[in-house]
Every structure is written in structure tokens, then in C-alpha cells.
């Protein structure tokens, strides 16, 4: 069953990458990346192949930490995640150690030490129930002609850190020229 899920995930990734070549597929992906910016391209494509309206995903344990849980009857979405287990298995004793690149200063590594990725279950917020999630406050735009609080100092600090000197000179006319 695990091998079959992995094969299906790989097929979904290939199809997802192919959709990126299409204008609409590219536009759809740009919308997705704004909703899931912390996920890899592979996981973004894998998630949208399983649920087109995916918006916020976490494991069941992470949802419980925020007072929510997967709804009864919901099926987990799957994403690739690094495994803490080594890739070892029967017959690993015969695998030769990889040679380090000459001059790298690194010791040879055993093939079993390479990162291994496995499919793990996650749930979209729409698949959960429980406590309502806190919403971010709506941003308030500053009045016309005024910068947001702290912006000036942040820009001065940034320019100074980049090696520039900032001088405030107020000798322009009413039109700012």
C-alpha cells in the first residue's frame, strides 16, 4: 500500500509539473503558492492534486494543538517529508561506503545516511472541526501622504547597514520639488 501511494504521488507530481506549462496551470499555481508559501514545489503540486481548494495544512497532532481535529470520515492528504529513519534494510551490509569528493575534507558517507523522504498524512483546515482559528486583523492603510509607523527608521537602518549615509534635507517647495 505504501509503495502504491508513493507511485501515485510521483505520477501526481509529473502531472502537476506538466500543468505548469499551461497558462491557466501557471496562474493556478501562483494562487496556490500564496496560500502555501512554506511548502516545497513538490508538496504544493501534490497537495493541489489531492484537493483543489487546499489552503492550510497541518498534521492531526498539530491541529489538536490549536484546538481542532480531523473531521470524522475525512481522508488525509499526503505530502513528502524527511524521515528520521535510515534507508537501511536487508542486505545493507554489502553496500559500499561512498567516497568523499577529493579535497572536501569530508569523511566517506554510507549510502544509508542519505536523506529519505516518506509520505506523511496532513489535513486541510476544511477537513477539520473544533475551535475557530484566530484571524489576522485587516491591515489599515495609512492616510494618503503618510508612511506607515516605523517605515522611515527601518529604511534609514537598511540604507545605513548597506553603507549609505542618510541626510534629511527639508529645503524643497510645497510640491516636493
C-alpha atoms as a PDB file:
ATOM      1  CA  UNK A   1       0.000   0.000   0.000  1.00  0.00           C
ATOM      2  CA  UNK A   2       2.848   2.412   0.844  1.00  0.00           C
ATOM      3  CA  UNK A   3       4.648   1.674  -2.427  1.00  0.00           C
ATOM      4  CA  UNK A   4       1.392   2.235  -4.349  1.00  0.00           C
ATOM      5  CA  UNK A   5       0.824   5.586  -2.597  1.00  0.00           C
ATOM      6  CA  UNK A   6       4.389   6.640  -3.412  1.00  0.00           C
ATOM      7  CA  UNK A   7       3.901   5.713  -7.085  1.00  0.00           C
ATOM      8  CA  UNK A   8       0.625   7.675  -7.201  1.00  0.00           C
ATOM      9  CA  UNK A   9       2.352  10.672  -5.579  1.00  0.00           C
ATOM     10  CA  UNK A  10       5.127  10.595  -8.187  1.00  0.00           C
ATOM     11  CA  UNK A  11       2.560  10.409 -11.005  1.00  0.00           C
ATOM     12  CA  UNK A  12       0.668  13.371  -9.486  1.00  0.00           C
ATOM     13  CA  UNK A  13       3.925  15.375  -9.390  1.00  0.00           C
ATOM     14  CA  UNK A  14       4.674  14.660 -13.039  1.00  0.00           C
ATOM     15  CA  UNK A  15       1.138  15.724 -13.999  1.00  0.00           C
ATOM     16  CA  UNK A  16       1.421  18.830 -11.799  1.00  0.00           C
ATOM     17  CA  UNK A  17       4.677  19.910 -13.405  1.00  0.00           C
ATOM     18  CA  UNK A  18       3.129  19.395 -16.859  1.00  0.00           C
ATOM     19  CA  UNK A  19       0.227  21.688 -15.859  1.00  0.00           C
ATOM     20  CA  UNK A  20       2.718  24.479 -15.096  1.00  0.00           C
ATOM     21  CA  UNK A  21       3.471  24.757 -18.834  1.00  0.00           C
ATOM     22  CA  UNK A  22      -0.133  25.832 -19.456  1.00  0.00           C
ATOM     23  CA  UNK A  23      -1.089  29.495 -18.889  1.00  0.00           C
ATOM     24  CA  UNK A  24      -4.025  28.589 -16.617  1.00  0.00           C
ATOM     25  CA  UNK A  25      -1.974  25.975 -14.774  1.00  0.00           C
ATOM     26  CA  UNK A  26       0.720  28.577 -14.094  1.00  0.00           C
ATOM     27  CA  UNK A  27      -1.862  31.092 -12.862  1.00  0.00           C
ATOM     28  CA  UNK A  28      -3.428  28.440 -10.612  1.00  0.00           C
ATOM     29  CA  UNK A  29      -0.011  27.611  -9.155  1.00  0.00           C
ATOM     30  CA  UNK A  30       0.708  31.295  -8.435  1.00  0.00           C
ATOM     31  CA  UNK A  31      -2.524  31.425  -6.433  1.00  0.00           C
ATOM     32  CA  UNK A  32      -1.539  28.247  -4.600  1.00  0.00           C
ATOM     33  CA  UNK A  33       1.928  29.470  -3.672  1.00  0.00           C
ATOM     34  CA  UNK A  34       0.388  32.493  -1.927  1.00  0.00           C
ATOM     35  CA  UNK A  35      -1.695  30.130   0.223  1.00  0.00           C
ATOM     36  CA  UNK A  36       1.075  27.622   0.939  1.00  0.00           C
ATOM     37  CA  UNK A  37       4.363  29.572   0.748  1.00  0.00           C
ATOM     38  CA  UNK A  38       6.254  27.372   3.214  1.00  0.00           C
ATOM     39  CA  UNK A  39       5.856  24.164   1.247  1.00  0.00           C
ATOM     40  CA  UNK A  40       8.153  22.908  -1.488  1.00  0.00           C
ATOM     41  CA  UNK A  41       7.012  22.985  -5.103  1.00  0.00           C
ATOM     42  CA  UNK A  42       6.651  19.194  -4.978  1.00  0.00           C
ATOM     43  CA  UNK A  43       4.389  19.330  -1.942  1.00  0.00           C
ATOM     44  CA  UNK A  44       2.373  22.242  -3.331  1.00  0.00           C
ATOM     45  CA  UNK A  45       1.684  20.298  -6.521  1.00  0.00           C
ATOM     46  CA  UNK A  46       0.974  17.130  -4.576  1.00  0.00           C
ATOM     47  CA  UNK A  47      -1.488  18.897  -2.261  1.00  0.00           C
ATOM     48  CA  UNK A  48      -3.442  20.605  -5.056  1.00  0.00           C
ATOM     49  CA  UNK A  49      -3.661  17.296  -6.934  1.00  0.00           C
ATOM     50  CA  UNK A  50      -5.466  15.852  -3.920  1.00  0.00           C
ATOM     51  CA  UNK A  51      -7.604  18.869  -3.008  1.00  0.00           C
ATOM     52  CA  UNK A  52      -8.013  21.776  -5.437  1.00  0.00           C
ATOM     53  CA  UNK A  53      -9.094  24.265  -2.739  1.00  0.00           C
ATOM     54  CA  UNK A  54      -6.305  23.430  -0.279  1.00  0.00           C
ATOM     55  CA  UNK A  55      -5.465  26.424   1.896  1.00  0.00           C
ATOM     56  CA  UNK A  56      -3.844  25.492   5.221  1.00  0.00           C
ATOM     57  CA  UNK A  57      -2.492  22.067   6.115  1.00  0.00           C
ATOM     58  CA  UNK A  58      -1.104  20.510   9.276  1.00  0.00           C
ATOM     59  CA  UNK A  59      -0.759  17.067  10.768  1.00  0.00           C
ATOM     60  CA  UNK A  60      -3.513  15.754  13.032  1.00  0.00           C
ATOM     61  CA  UNK A  61      -1.249  16.369  16.050  1.00  0.00           C
ATOM     62  CA  UNK A  62      -0.626  19.990  15.002  1.00  0.00           C
ATOM     63  CA  UNK A  63      -4.368  20.563  14.542  1.00  0.00           C
ATOM     64  CA  UNK A  64      -5.011  19.205  18.060  1.00  0.00           C
ATOM     65  CA  UNK A  65      -2.507  21.731  19.448  1.00  0.00           C
ATOM     66  CA  UNK A  66      -4.703  24.567  18.123  1.00  0.00           C
ATOM     67  CA  UNK A  67      -7.968  23.017  19.338  1.00  0.00           C
ATOM     68  CA  UNK A  68      -9.042  21.378  16.082  1.00  0.00           C
ATOM     69  CA  UNK A  69      -9.063  17.801  14.839  1.00  0.00           C
ATOM     70  CA  UNK A  70      -9.725  15.975  11.568  1.00  0.00           C
ATOM     71  CA  UNK A  71     -13.454  15.621  10.911  1.00  0.00           C
ATOM     72  CA  UNK A  72     -14.901  12.129  11.100  1.00  0.00           C
ATOM     73  CA  UNK A  73     -14.705  10.474   7.689  1.00  0.00           C
ATOM     74  CA  UNK A  74     -12.098  12.866   6.257  1.00  0.00           C
ATOM     75  CA  UNK A  75      -9.218  11.303   4.358  1.00  0.00           C
ATOM     76  CA  UNK A  76      -5.692  12.562   4.918  1.00  0.00           C
ATOM     77  CA  UNK A  77      -3.809  14.337   2.193  1.00  0.00           C
ATOM     78  CA  UNK A  78      -0.226  13.144   1.720  1.00  0.00           C
ATOM     79  CA  UNK A  79       2.967  15.166   1.387  1.00  0.00           C
ATOM     80  CA  UNK A  80       6.639  14.248   1.247  1.00  0.00           C
ATOM     81  CA  UNK A  81       8.583  14.772   4.487  1.00  0.00           C
ATOM     82  CA  UNK A  82      12.112  13.813   5.540  1.00  0.00           C
ATOM     83  CA  UNK A  83      12.284  10.645   7.577  1.00  0.00           C
ATOM     84  CA  UNK A  84      14.422  10.218  10.655  1.00  0.00           C
ATOM     85  CA  UNK A  85      14.892   6.562   9.791  1.00  0.00           C
ATOM     86  CA  UNK A  86      17.870   5.466   7.810  1.00  0.00           C
ATOM     87  CA  UNK A  87      17.310   3.923   4.408  1.00  0.00           C
ATOM     88  CA  UNK A  88      18.663   0.640   5.738  1.00  0.00           C
ATOM     89  CA  UNK A  89      17.146  -2.712   5.022  1.00  0.00           C
ATOM     90  CA  UNK A  90      18.103  -6.282   4.314  1.00  0.00           C
ATOM     91  CA  UNK A  91      21.441  -6.591   2.601  1.00  0.00           C
ATOM     92  CA  UNK A  92      22.704  -3.136   3.531  1.00  0.00           C
ATOM     93  CA  UNK A  93      25.902  -4.625   4.891  1.00  0.00           C
ATOM     94  CA  UNK A  94      27.079  -5.236   1.325  1.00  0.00           C
ATOM     95  CA  UNK A  95      26.641  -1.597   0.254  1.00  0.00           C
ATOM     96  CA  UNK A  96      29.976   0.151  -0.166  1.00  0.00           C
ATOM     97  CA  UNK A  97      30.583   3.476   1.509  1.00  0.00           C
ATOM     98  CA  UNK A  98      30.521   6.439  -0.846  1.00  0.00           C
ATOM     99  CA  UNK A  99      33.823   8.102  -1.437  1.00  0.00           C
ATOM    100  CA  UNK A 100      34.102  11.719  -0.384  1.00  0.00           C
ATOM    101  CA  UNK A 101      34.999  14.301  -3.002  1.00  0.00           C
ATOM    102  CA  UNK A 102      38.787  14.718  -3.077  1.00  0.00           C
ATOM    103  CA  UNK A 103      39.816  17.795  -1.151  1.00  0.00           C
ATOM    104  CA  UNK A 104      36.412  18.220   0.510  1.00  0.00           C
ATOM    105  CA  UNK A 105      37.692  17.308   3.941  1.00  0.00           C
ATOM    106  CA  UNK A 106      34.615  15.136   4.486  1.00  0.00           C
ATOM    107  CA  UNK A 107      34.685  11.523   5.507  1.00  0.00           C
ATOM    108  CA  UNK A 108      33.115   8.981   3.151  1.00  0.00           C
ATOM    109  CA  UNK A 109      29.403   8.517   3.842  1.00  0.00           C
ATOM    110  CA  UNK A 110      27.470   5.316   3.896  1.00  0.00           C
ATOM    111  CA  UNK A 111      24.633   5.286   1.314  1.00  0.00           C
ATOM    112  CA  UNK A 112      22.202   4.593   4.166  1.00  0.00           C
ATOM    113  CA  UNK A 113      22.908   8.055   5.610  1.00  0.00           C
ATOM    114  CA  UNK A 114      21.343   9.942   2.711  1.00  0.00           C
ATOM    115  CA  UNK A 115      18.039  11.691   3.458  1.00  0.00           C
ATOM    116  CA  UNK A 116      14.944   9.603   2.921  1.00  0.00           C
ATOM    117  CA  UNK A 117      11.533  11.092   2.176  1.00  0.00           C
ATOM    118  CA  UNK A 118       8.265   9.389   3.036  1.00  0.00           C
ATOM    119  CA  UNK A 119       4.629  10.293   2.528  1.00  0.00           C
ATOM    120  CA  UNK A 120       3.028  11.650   5.703  1.00  0.00           C
ATOM    121  CA  UNK A 121      -0.636  12.455   6.378  1.00  0.00           C
ATOM    122  CA  UNK A 122      -1.844  16.053   6.714  1.00  0.00           C
ATOM    123  CA  UNK A 123      -5.291  17.637   6.771  1.00  0.00           C
ATOM    124  CA  UNK A 124      -6.559  20.850   5.225  1.00  0.00           C
ATOM    125  CA  UNK A 125      -8.394  23.248   7.540  1.00  0.00           C
ATOM    126  CA  UNK A 126     -11.605  22.471   5.619  1.00  0.00           C
ATOM    127  CA  UNK A 127     -11.239  18.843   6.744  1.00  0.00           C
ATOM    128  CA  UNK A 128     -11.124  19.780  10.424  1.00  0.00           C
ATOM    129  CA  UNK A 129     -13.569  20.847  13.099  1.00  0.00           C
ATOM    130  CA  UNK A 130     -13.214  22.430  16.501  1.00  0.00           C
ATOM    131  CA  UNK A 131     -12.188  25.822  17.823  1.00  0.00           C
ATOM    132  CA  UNK A 132     -12.325  28.667  15.320  1.00  0.00           C
ATOM    133  CA  UNK A 133      -8.923  29.802  14.156  1.00  0.00           C
ATOM    134  CA  UNK A 134      -7.897  33.337  15.082  1.00  0.00           C
ATOM    135  CA  UNK A 135      -7.954  35.641  12.105  1.00  0.00           C
ATOM    136  CA  UNK A 136      -5.356  38.262  11.358  1.00  0.00           C
ATOM    137  CA  UNK A 137      -6.604  41.806  11.719  1.00  0.00           C
ATOM    138  CA  UNK A 138      -7.351  43.624   8.489  1.00  0.00           C
ATOM    139  CA  UNK A 139      -4.438  45.877   7.582  1.00  0.00           C
ATOM    140  CA  UNK A 140      -5.151  49.574   7.937  1.00  0.00           C
ATOM    141  CA  UNK A 141      -3.628  51.763   5.257  1.00  0.00           C
ATOM    142  CA  UNK A 142      -2.005  54.986   6.478  1.00  0.00           C
ATOM    143  CA  UNK A 143      -3.626  58.244   5.410  1.00  0.00           C
ATOM    144  CA  UNK A 144      -2.569  59.449   1.946  1.00  0.00           C
ATOM    145  CA  UNK A 145       0.840  61.107   2.019  1.00  0.00           C
ATOM    146  CA  UNK A 146       1.953  59.364   5.233  1.00  0.00           C
ATOM    147  CA  UNK A 147       4.171  56.331   5.567  1.00  0.00           C
ATOM    148  CA  UNK A 148       3.314  53.517   7.992  1.00  0.00           C
ATOM    149  CA  UNK A 149       4.671  53.966  11.516  1.00  0.00           C
ATOM    150  CA  UNK A 150       8.339  52.966  11.727  1.00  0.00           C
ATOM    151  CA  UNK A 151       8.899  52.806   7.989  1.00  0.00           C
ATOM    152  CA  UNK A 152      11.243  55.788   7.827  1.00  0.00           C
ATOM    153  CA  UNK A 153      13.518  54.441  10.551  1.00  0.00           C
ATOM    154  CA  UNK A 154      13.503  50.963   9.010  1.00  0.00           C
ATOM    155  CA  UNK A 155      14.585  52.409   5.647  1.00  0.00           C
ATOM    156  CA  UNK A 156      17.297  54.536   7.266  1.00  0.00           C
ATOM    157  CA  UNK A 157      18.597  51.496   9.173  1.00  0.00           C
ATOM    158  CA  UNK A 158      18.607  49.408   5.998  1.00  0.00           C
ATOM    159  CA  UNK A 159      20.448  52.057   3.972  1.00  0.00           C
ATOM    160  CA  UNK A 160      22.962  52.635   6.772  1.00  0.00           C
ATOM    161  CA  UNK A 161      23.639  48.895   7.080  1.00  0.00           C
ATOM    162  CA  UNK A 162      24.268  48.839   3.314  1.00  0.00           C
ATOM    163  CA  UNK A 163      26.953  51.517   3.722  1.00  0.00           C
ATOM    164  CA  UNK A 164      24.968  54.610   2.712  1.00  0.00           C
ATOM    165  CA  UNK A 165      24.670  57.878   4.620  1.00  0.00           C
ATOM    166  CA  UNK A 166      21.180  59.264   5.005  1.00  0.00           C
ATOM    167  CA  UNK A 167      20.737  63.016   5.438  1.00  0.00           C
ATOM    168  CA  UNK A 168      17.380  64.717   5.865  1.00  0.00           C
ATOM    169  CA  UNK A 169      17.221  67.975   3.969  1.00  0.00           C
ATOM    170  CA  UNK A 170      13.999  69.963   4.058  1.00  0.00           C
ATOM    171  CA  UNK A 171      14.506  72.765   1.557  1.00  0.00           C
ATOM    172  CA  UNK A 172      12.002  71.858  -1.151  1.00  0.00           C
ATOM    173  CA  UNK A 173       8.848  73.748  -2.067  1.00  0.00           C
ATOM    174  CA  UNK A 174       5.246  72.755  -1.435  1.00  0.00           C
ATOM    175  CA  UNK A 175       5.139  70.370  -4.412  1.00  0.00           C
ATOM    176  CA  UNK A 176       8.129  68.387  -3.128  1.00  0.00           C
ATOM    177  CA  UNK A 177      10.471  69.597  -5.870  1.00  0.00           C
END
